[in-house]
Structure formats: C-alpha cells, structure tokens
C-alpha cells in the first residue's frame, strides 16, 4: 500500500469527523435512537447529566454498544472511508476532503474555546 502523509492526514481527519458525527452530533440522533436510550440524572451540584443506555436485544444491543463506543465506531468509520476510496475514488475524494476540513475546523474550534475560557 502506497499512501502519502497528506492522504493519511485527510483519512485521519475525515474518520475523526465521521465518527463524531455518528456518535455525538444531534443531527444523527435518529441513527442512535433505535439502539440507545438517553437517561437524564441530576448530579450533586444539581446539573443534569445525560447517560446512554444500550437497548435490549441481540442486534439492537450489539449496534447500541457499537454506537456508544467512540473507538469502535472510529474503526468502522475508517474501514468504510477506506473502502469507499478504494472502490470509488472519484466519489470518495470530495467526501473525504469535506469531512477532513470539518474535522480540522472542529479541532481548531476546540482549541480556540480552551484558549478563551
């Protein structure tokens, strides 16, 4: 396999962004909802914390575990993106670039928020 450092960076950032999109973002909550239940509890300071509980069932439970595990979803996101690129490079290239730019923007925004707070 011959991959340049720039391609590796694009794949890494794209996989990072796709994984966060699937596991955390509100816009993809509909994907998680059949497999995970959100439970809200107040902590000792009176602030509400949200916990994800995997729903029962073999397939539902398996997919719930997968979707609640950032590292697990990250592996499958990377596999999906690589296979998409391997078999459909012309289709995958803009998707990878958009996800990579969005991933880098998210990292920059997190750094900026840490600096100003």
N, C-alpha and C. Protein backbone atom coordinates (compact mmCIF):
# COMPACT_ATOMS: atom_id res chain seq x y z
N UNK A 1 0.85 -1.17 0.00
CA UNK A 1 0.00 0.00 0.00
C UNK A 1 0.89 1.23 0.00
N UNK A 2 0.56 2.15 -0.88
CA UNK A 2 1.34 3.37 -1.02
C UNK A 2 0.44 4.56 -0.70
N UNK A 3 0.66 5.14 0.48
CA UNK A 3 -0.17 6.27 0.91
C UNK A 3 0.74 7.41 1.35
N UNK A 4 0.43 8.60 0.90
CA UNK A 4 1.26 9.75 1.24
C UNK A 4 0.88 10.27 2.63
N UNK A 5 1.75 11.02 3.26
CA UNK A 5 1.40 11.62 4.56
C UNK A 5 0.15 12.51 4.48
N UNK A 6 -0.03 13.23 3.38
CA UNK A 6 -1.21 14.08 3.22
C UNK A 6 -2.48 13.24 3.13
N UNK A 7 -2.42 12.13 2.39
CA UNK A 7 -3.59 11.24 2.31
C UNK A 7 -3.92 10.66 3.67
N UNK A 8 -2.89 10.29 4.42
CA UNK A 8 -3.11 9.75 5.76
C UNK A 8 -3.77 10.80 6.66
N UNK A 9 -3.31 12.04 6.57
CA UNK A 9 -3.90 13.11 7.36
C UNK A 9 -5.36 13.34 6.96
N UNK A 10 -5.65 13.33 5.67
CA UNK A 10 -7.03 13.50 5.22
C UNK A 10 -7.91 12.35 5.71
N UNK A 11 -7.43 11.12 5.60
CA UNK A 11 -8.19 9.98 6.10
C UNK A 11 -8.42 10.08 7.61
N UNK A 12 -7.39 10.47 8.34
CA UNK A 12 -7.50 10.57 9.80
C UNK A 12 -8.52 11.63 10.20
N UNK A 13 -8.43 12.81 9.60
CA UNK A 13 -9.37 13.88 9.93
C UNK A 13 -10.79 13.54 9.49
N UNK A 14 -10.92 12.92 8.33
CA UNK A 14 -12.25 12.52 7.85
C UNK A 14 -12.86 11.45 8.75
N UNK A 15 -12.06 10.50 9.16
CA UNK A 15 -12.55 9.45 10.05
C UNK A 15 -12.93 10.02 11.41
N UNK A 16 -12.12 10.95 11.91
CA UNK A 16 -12.42 11.64 13.16
C UNK A 16 -13.77 12.33 13.08
N UNK A 17 -14.00 13.08 12.01
CA UNK A 17 -15.24 13.85 11.89
C UNK A 17 -16.44 12.95 11.69
N UNK A 18 -16.31 11.90 10.86
CA UNK A 18 -17.41 10.98 10.63
C UNK A 18 -17.78 10.26 11.92
N UNK A 19 -16.77 9.86 12.68
CA UNK A 19 -17.02 9.17 13.95
C UNK A 19 -17.76 10.07 14.92
N UNK A 20 -17.32 11.30 15.06
CA UNK A 20 -18.00 12.25 15.96
C UNK A 20 -19.42 12.53 15.48
N UNK A 21 -19.59 12.60 14.17
CA UNK A 21 -20.91 12.83 13.60
C UNK A 21 -21.86 11.69 13.99
N UNK A 22 -21.40 10.47 13.89
CA UNK A 22 -22.24 9.31 14.20
C UNK A 22 -22.48 9.17 15.71
N UNK A 23 -21.44 9.34 16.51
CA UNK A 23 -21.53 9.05 17.95
C UNK A 23 -22.12 10.20 18.77
N UNK A 24 -21.84 11.45 18.42
CA UNK A 24 -22.19 12.56 19.30
C UNK A 24 -23.16 13.59 18.73
N UNK A 25 -23.12 13.87 17.45
CA UNK A 25 -23.85 15.03 16.92
C UNK A 25 -25.37 14.84 16.98
N UNK A 26 -26.05 15.93 17.27
CA UNK A 26 -27.52 15.95 17.37
C UNK A 26 -28.17 15.57 16.05
N UNK A 27 -27.57 15.99 14.95
CA UNK A 27 -28.16 15.76 13.63
C UNK A 27 -28.29 14.27 13.29
N UNK A 28 -27.48 13.42 13.90
CA UNK A 28 -27.56 11.97 13.63
C UNK A 28 -28.17 11.20 14.80
N UNK A 29 -28.86 11.91 15.67
CA UNK A 29 -29.52 11.25 16.81
C UNK A 29 -30.50 10.18 16.34
N UNK A 30 -31.13 10.41 15.19
CA UNK A 30 -32.09 9.44 14.65
C UNK A 30 -31.43 8.09 14.35
N UNK A 31 -30.13 8.09 14.07
CA UNK A 31 -29.41 6.83 13.85
C UNK A 31 -29.20 6.06 15.15
N UNK A 32 -28.97 6.79 16.23
CA UNK A 32 -28.69 6.17 17.53
C UNK A 32 -29.96 5.79 18.29
N UNK A 33 -31.04 6.52 18.04
CA UNK A 33 -32.26 6.37 18.84
C UNK A 33 -32.82 4.94 18.90
N UNK A 34 -32.83 4.17 17.81
CA UNK A 34 -33.35 2.80 17.90
C UNK A 34 -32.49 1.87 18.78
N UNK A 35 -31.25 2.28 19.07
CA UNK A 35 -30.32 1.40 19.76
C UNK A 35 -29.90 1.89 21.14
N UNK A 36 -30.09 3.19 21.39
CA UNK A 36 -29.66 3.79 22.66
C UNK A 36 -30.79 4.62 23.26
N UNK A 37 -30.84 4.61 24.58
CA UNK A 37 -31.81 5.44 25.29
C UNK A 37 -31.02 6.45 26.12
N UNK A 38 -31.46 7.70 26.09
CA UNK A 38 -30.82 8.73 26.89
C UNK A 38 -31.52 8.82 28.23
N UNK A 39 -30.75 8.73 29.31
CA UNK A 39 -31.28 8.84 30.66
C UNK A 39 -30.65 10.06 31.31
N UNK A 40 -31.50 10.94 31.84
CA UNK A 40 -31.01 12.16 32.48
C UNK A 40 -31.07 11.99 34.00
N UNK A 41 -29.99 12.42 34.66
CA UNK A 41 -29.91 12.40 36.12
C UNK A 41 -29.26 13.69 36.59
N UNK A 42 -29.69 14.15 37.76
CA UNK A 42 -29.05 15.32 38.36
C UNK A 42 -27.87 14.87 39.19
N UNK A 43 -26.76 15.60 39.05
CA UNK A 43 -25.59 15.28 39.87
C UNK A 43 -25.69 16.03 41.20
N UNK A 44 -24.67 15.90 42.04
CA UNK A 44 -24.69 16.52 43.37
C UNK A 44 -24.73 18.05 43.33
N UNK A 45 -24.37 18.65 42.18
CA UNK A 45 -24.41 20.10 42.01
C UNK A 45 -25.74 20.57 41.40
N UNK A 46 -26.64 19.65 41.15
CA UNK A 46 -27.93 19.99 40.57
C UNK A 46 -27.93 20.11 39.06
N UNK A 47 -26.79 19.80 38.43
CA UNK A 47 -26.71 19.86 36.98
C UNK A 47 -27.14 18.54 36.38
N UNK A 48 -27.79 18.62 35.23
CA UNK A 48 -28.30 17.41 34.57
C UNK A 48 -27.20 16.76 33.74
N UNK A 49 -27.00 15.47 33.95
CA UNK A 49 -26.07 14.68 33.17
C UNK A 49 -26.87 13.69 32.34
N UNK A 50 -26.43 13.45 31.13
CA UNK A 50 -27.12 12.53 30.24
C UNK A 50 -26.25 11.28 30.08
N UNK A 51 -26.87 10.11 30.30
CA UNK A 51 -26.20 8.83 30.14
C UNK A 51 -26.87 8.05 29.02
N UNK A 52 -26.07 7.33 28.26
CA UNK A 52 -26.61 6.48 27.21
C UNK A 52 -26.73 5.06 27.72
N UNK A 53 -27.91 4.49 27.54
CA UNK A 53 -28.15 3.11 27.96
C UNK A 53 -28.48 2.31 26.70
N UNK A 54 -27.78 1.20 26.53
CA UNK A 54 -27.98 0.34 25.37
C UNK A 54 -29.31 -0.40 25.52
N UNK A 55 -30.10 -0.40 24.46
CA UNK A 55 -31.39 -1.09 24.49
C UNK A 55 -31.19 -2.60 24.39
N UNK A 56 -32.17 -3.34 24.85
CA UNK A 56 -32.11 -4.81 24.86
C UNK A 56 -32.25 -5.38 23.45
N UNK A 57 -31.79 -6.61 23.31
CA UNK A 57 -31.88 -7.33 22.04
C UNK A 57 -30.50 -7.65 21.52
N UNK A 58 -30.40 -8.76 20.80
CA UNK A 58 -29.08 -9.16 20.29
C UNK A 58 -28.53 -8.15 19.29
N UNK A 59 -29.25 -7.91 18.21
CA UNK A 59 -28.78 -6.98 17.19
C UNK A 59 -28.83 -5.54 17.70
N UNK A 60 -29.96 -5.19 18.33
CA UNK A 60 -30.11 -3.84 18.86
C UNK A 60 -29.04 -3.56 19.92
N UNK A 61 -28.79 -4.54 20.78
CA UNK A 61 -27.77 -4.37 21.82
C UNK A 61 -26.37 -4.25 21.23
N UNK A 62 -26.08 -5.09 20.23
CA UNK A 62 -24.76 -5.05 19.59
C UNK A 62 -24.53 -3.68 18.93
N UNK A 63 -25.52 -3.24 18.15
CA UNK A 63 -25.37 -1.95 17.48
C UNK A 63 -25.35 -0.80 18.48
N UNK A 64 -26.10 -0.93 19.57
CA UNK A 64 -26.07 0.09 20.62
C UNK A 64 -24.69 0.19 21.26
N UNK A 65 -24.09 -0.97 21.53
CA UNK A 65 -22.73 -0.98 22.09
C UNK A 65 -21.75 -0.33 21.11
N UNK A 66 -21.90 -0.66 19.85
CA UNK A 66 -21.02 -0.10 18.82
C UNK A 66 -21.17 1.42 18.75
N UNK A 67 -22.40 1.91 18.74
CA UNK A 67 -22.65 3.34 18.61
C UNK A 67 -22.30 4.13 19.87
N UNK A 68 -22.23 3.45 21.00
CA UNK A 68 -21.87 4.15 22.24
C UNK A 68 -20.36 4.12 22.48
N UNK A 69 -19.64 3.41 21.66
CA UNK A 69 -18.18 3.28 21.80
C UNK A 69 -17.50 4.10 20.70
N UNK A 70 -16.90 5.21 21.11
CA UNK A 70 -16.24 6.09 20.14
C UNK A 70 -15.14 5.35 19.38
N UNK A 71 -14.36 4.55 20.09
CA UNK A 71 -13.23 3.85 19.46
C UNK A 71 -13.72 2.80 18.47
N UNK A 72 -14.78 2.08 18.84
CA UNK A 72 -15.33 1.04 17.95
C UNK A 72 -15.88 1.67 16.67
N UNK A 73 -16.68 2.70 16.84
CA UNK A 73 -17.26 3.39 15.68
C UNK A 73 -16.16 3.99 14.82
N UNK A 74 -15.09 4.47 15.45
CA UNK A 74 -13.97 5.03 14.71
C UNK A 74 -13.30 4.03 13.79
N UNK A 75 -13.15 2.81 14.27
CA UNK A 75 -12.55 1.77 13.43
C UNK A 75 -13.42 1.50 12.22
N UNK A 76 -14.72 1.33 12.44
CA UNK A 76 -15.62 1.04 11.34
C UNK A 76 -15.77 2.23 10.40
N UNK A 77 -15.69 3.44 10.92
CA UNK A 77 -15.72 4.63 10.06
C UNK A 77 -14.50 4.66 9.15
N UNK A 78 -13.34 4.35 9.72
CA UNK A 78 -12.11 4.32 8.92
C UNK A 78 -12.18 3.25 7.84
N UNK A 79 -12.69 2.07 8.20
CA UNK A 79 -12.83 0.99 7.22
C UNK A 79 -13.77 1.42 6.10
N UNK A 80 -14.91 2.00 6.47
CA UNK A 80 -15.88 2.45 5.47
C UNK A 80 -15.26 3.48 4.52
N UNK A 81 -14.58 4.47 5.08
CA UNK A 81 -13.99 5.53 4.24
C UNK A 81 -12.90 4.97 3.33
N UNK A 82 -12.09 4.06 3.86
CA UNK A 82 -11.03 3.48 3.02
C UNK A 82 -11.63 2.66 1.88
N UNK A 83 -12.62 1.83 2.19
CA UNK A 83 -13.24 1.01 1.14
C UNK A 83 -13.94 1.88 0.11
N UNK A 84 -14.59 2.94 0.57
CA UNK A 84 -15.23 3.88 -0.36
C UNK A 84 -14.18 4.47 -1.30
N UNK A 85 -13.05 4.86 -0.74
CA UNK A 85 -11.97 5.43 -1.55
C UNK A 85 -11.36 4.39 -2.49
N UNK A 86 -11.17 3.18 -1.99
CA UNK A 86 -10.54 2.11 -2.77
C UNK A 86 -11.39 1.74 -3.99
N UNK A 87 -12.71 1.63 -3.80
CA UNK A 87 -13.58 1.19 -4.88
C UNK A 87 -14.19 2.34 -5.70
N UNK A 88 -14.35 3.51 -5.08
CA UNK A 88 -14.99 4.64 -5.76
C UNK A 88 -14.23 5.93 -5.46
N UNK A 89 -13.00 6.01 -5.90
CA UNK A 89 -12.13 7.14 -5.56
C UNK A 89 -12.71 8.49 -5.97
N UNK A 90 -13.30 8.55 -7.15
CA UNK A 90 -13.82 9.85 -7.61
C UNK A 90 -15.02 10.30 -6.77
N UNK A 91 -15.80 9.39 -6.26
CA UNK A 91 -16.91 9.72 -5.38
C UNK A 91 -16.41 10.03 -3.97
N UNK A 92 -15.44 9.28 -3.51
CA UNK A 92 -14.94 9.40 -2.14
C UNK A 92 -14.10 10.64 -1.90
N UNK A 93 -13.36 11.09 -2.90
CA UNK A 93 -12.42 12.21 -2.71
C UNK A 93 -13.11 13.47 -2.15
N UNK A 94 -14.21 13.95 -2.74
CA UNK A 94 -14.83 15.14 -2.15
C UNK A 94 -15.42 14.89 -0.77
N UNK A 95 -15.95 13.70 -0.54
CA UNK A 95 -16.50 13.36 0.78
C UNK A 95 -15.39 13.38 1.82
N UNK A 96 -14.27 12.76 1.49
CA UNK A 96 -13.13 12.74 2.40
C UNK A 96 -12.62 14.15 2.69
N UNK A 97 -12.51 14.96 1.66
CA UNK A 97 -12.00 16.32 1.83
C UNK A 97 -12.95 17.17 2.69
N UNK A 98 -14.25 17.06 2.44
CA UNK A 98 -15.23 17.82 3.23
C UNK A 98 -15.18 17.39 4.69
N UNK A 99 -15.17 16.08 4.93
CA UNK A 99 -15.09 15.59 6.32
C UNK A 99 -13.78 16.00 6.98
N UNK A 100 -12.67 15.97 6.22
CA UNK A 100 -11.37 16.35 6.78
C UNK A 100 -11.34 17.83 7.15
N UNK A 101 -11.86 18.67 6.29
CA UNK A 101 -11.91 20.11 6.58
C UNK A 101 -12.79 20.36 7.80
N UNK A 102 -13.95 19.71 7.85
CA UNK A 102 -14.85 19.86 9.00
C UNK A 102 -14.19 19.34 10.28
N UNK A 103 -13.45 18.26 10.18
CA UNK A 103 -12.74 17.72 11.34
C UNK A 103 -11.67 18.66 11.84
N UNK A 104 -10.90 19.23 10.92
CA UNK A 104 -9.86 20.19 11.31
C UNK A 104 -10.50 21.44 11.91
N UNK A 105 -11.60 21.90 11.33
CA UNK A 105 -12.30 23.07 11.88
C UNK A 105 -12.79 22.79 13.30
N UNK A 106 -13.27 21.58 13.55
CA UNK A 106 -13.73 21.21 14.90
C UNK A 106 -12.57 21.23 15.89
N UNK A 107 -11.42 20.74 15.47
CA UNK A 107 -10.25 20.74 16.35
C UNK A 107 -9.81 22.17 16.64
N UNK A 108 -9.77 23.00 15.61
CA UNK A 108 -9.40 24.40 15.80
C UNK A 108 -10.37 25.10 16.74
N UNK A 109 -11.66 24.87 16.55
CA UNK A 109 -12.67 25.49 17.42
C UNK A 109 -12.50 25.04 18.86
N UNK A 110 -12.22 23.77 19.09
CA UNK A 110 -11.98 23.28 20.45
C UNK A 110 -10.77 23.97 21.09
N UNK A 111 -9.70 24.14 20.31
CA UNK A 111 -8.52 24.83 20.82
C UNK A 111 -8.80 26.29 21.14
N UNK A 112 -9.53 26.94 20.27
CA UNK A 112 -9.89 28.35 20.49
C UNK A 112 -10.73 28.48 21.76
N UNK A 113 -11.70 27.59 21.94
CA UNK A 113 -12.55 27.63 23.14
C UNK A 113 -11.72 27.43 24.41
N UNK A 114 -10.73 26.56 24.37
CA UNK A 114 -9.87 26.35 25.53
C UNK A 114 -9.03 27.60 25.83
N UNK A 115 -8.60 28.27 24.77
CA UNK A 115 -7.78 29.48 24.96
C UNK A 115 -8.57 30.66 25.52
N UNK A 116 -9.83 30.81 25.12
CA UNK A 116 -10.60 31.97 25.57
C UNK A 116 -11.35 31.71 26.88
N UNK A 117 -11.43 30.49 27.31
CA UNK A 117 -12.14 30.18 28.58
C UNK A 117 -11.18 29.88 29.68
